[in-house]
Protein backbone atom coordinates (compact mmCIF):
# COMPACT_ATOMS: atom_id res chain seq x y z
CA UNK A 1 0.75 0.72 21.13
CA UNK A 2 0.57 4.42 20.35
CA UNK A 3 -0.25 5.26 16.76
CA UNK A 4 1.04 8.28 14.93
CA UNK A 5 -0.92 10.12 12.25
CA UNK A 6 -2.25 7.59 9.81
CA UNK A 7 -2.08 3.87 10.46
CA UNK A 8 1.64 3.39 11.05
CA UNK A 9 2.77 2.37 14.54
CA UNK A 10 5.33 4.57 16.28
CA UNK A 11 7.55 1.52 16.86
CA UNK A 12 7.45 -2.09 15.76
CA UNK A 13 6.95 -4.79 18.41
CA UNK A 14 10.59 -5.87 18.17
CA UNK A 15 11.74 -2.33 18.96
CA UNK A 16 9.64 -2.33 22.16
CA UNK A 17 11.81 -5.07 23.67
CA UNK A 18 14.57 -4.25 26.12
CA UNK A 19 16.81 -6.47 23.94
CA UNK A 20 15.52 -6.42 20.33
CA UNK A 21 18.24 -8.90 19.31
CA UNK A 22 16.52 -11.54 21.47
CA UNK A 23 13.33 -11.32 19.32
CA UNK A 24 11.01 -13.25 19.44
CA UNK A 25 12.20 -14.68 22.78
CA UNK A 26 12.26 -11.48 24.81
CA UNK A 27 10.12 -9.92 27.52
CA UNK A 28 7.46 -7.42 26.46
CA UNK A 29 4.69 -5.65 28.37
CA UNK A 30 2.72 -4.04 25.53
CA UNK A 31 -0.32 -6.29 24.78
CA UNK A 32 -0.25 -5.64 21.03
CA UNK A 33 3.45 -6.39 20.87
CA UNK A 34 3.04 -9.63 22.82
CA UNK A 35 0.35 -10.77 20.37
CA UNK A 36 2.71 -10.19 17.44
CA UNK A 37 5.47 -11.92 19.41
CA UNK A 38 3.26 -15.03 19.79
CA UNK A 39 2.70 -15.12 16.03
CA UNK A 40 6.44 -14.69 15.39
CA UNK A 41 7.29 -17.53 17.79
CA UNK A 42 4.82 -19.78 16.00
CA UNK A 43 6.31 -18.91 12.63
CA UNK A 44 9.87 -19.51 13.86
CA UNK A 45 8.80 -22.90 15.25
CA UNK A 46 7.06 -23.93 12.04
CA UNK A 47 10.04 -22.85 9.97
CA UNK A 48 12.40 -24.88 12.17
CA UNK A 49 10.18 -27.98 11.95
CA UNK A 50 10.19 -27.77 8.15
CA UNK A 51 13.84 -26.75 7.82
CA UNK A 52 12.97 -23.45 6.11
CA UNK A 53 15.09 -20.32 6.09
CA UNK A 54 13.72 -16.77 6.05
CA UNK A 55 14.89 -16.47 2.45
CA UNK A 56 13.00 -19.63 1.41
CA UNK A 57 9.80 -18.49 3.14
CA UNK A 58 10.08 -15.12 1.38
CA UNK A 59 10.60 -16.85 -1.97
CA UNK A 60 7.65 -19.26 -1.71
CA UNK A 61 5.30 -16.68 -0.17
CA UNK A 62 6.14 -13.93 -2.63
CA UNK A 63 6.85 -11.53 0.23
CA UNK A 64 9.88 -9.32 -0.27
CA UNK A 65 10.60 -6.56 2.23
CA UNK A 66 13.36 -5.03 0.12
CA UNK A 67 12.55 -1.56 -1.23
CA UNK A 68 11.43 -1.52 -4.82
CA UNK A 69 13.67 0.35 -7.23
CA UNK A 70 12.08 3.60 -8.40
């Protein structure tokens, strides 16, 4: 994956897919993106086994990707 100035990737792994809406079950060729895809598939599987939603995982993990008010 090409990096821009600093440590931020030019595109996220999901955006490297021909069909980003199929994430994480899509075809990728970028090795870094496929590694992230494997982690995402594992997370989706674990969430399904435990009956957890994305919202619930965010709540219990304390991770919130919403922008903070300034």
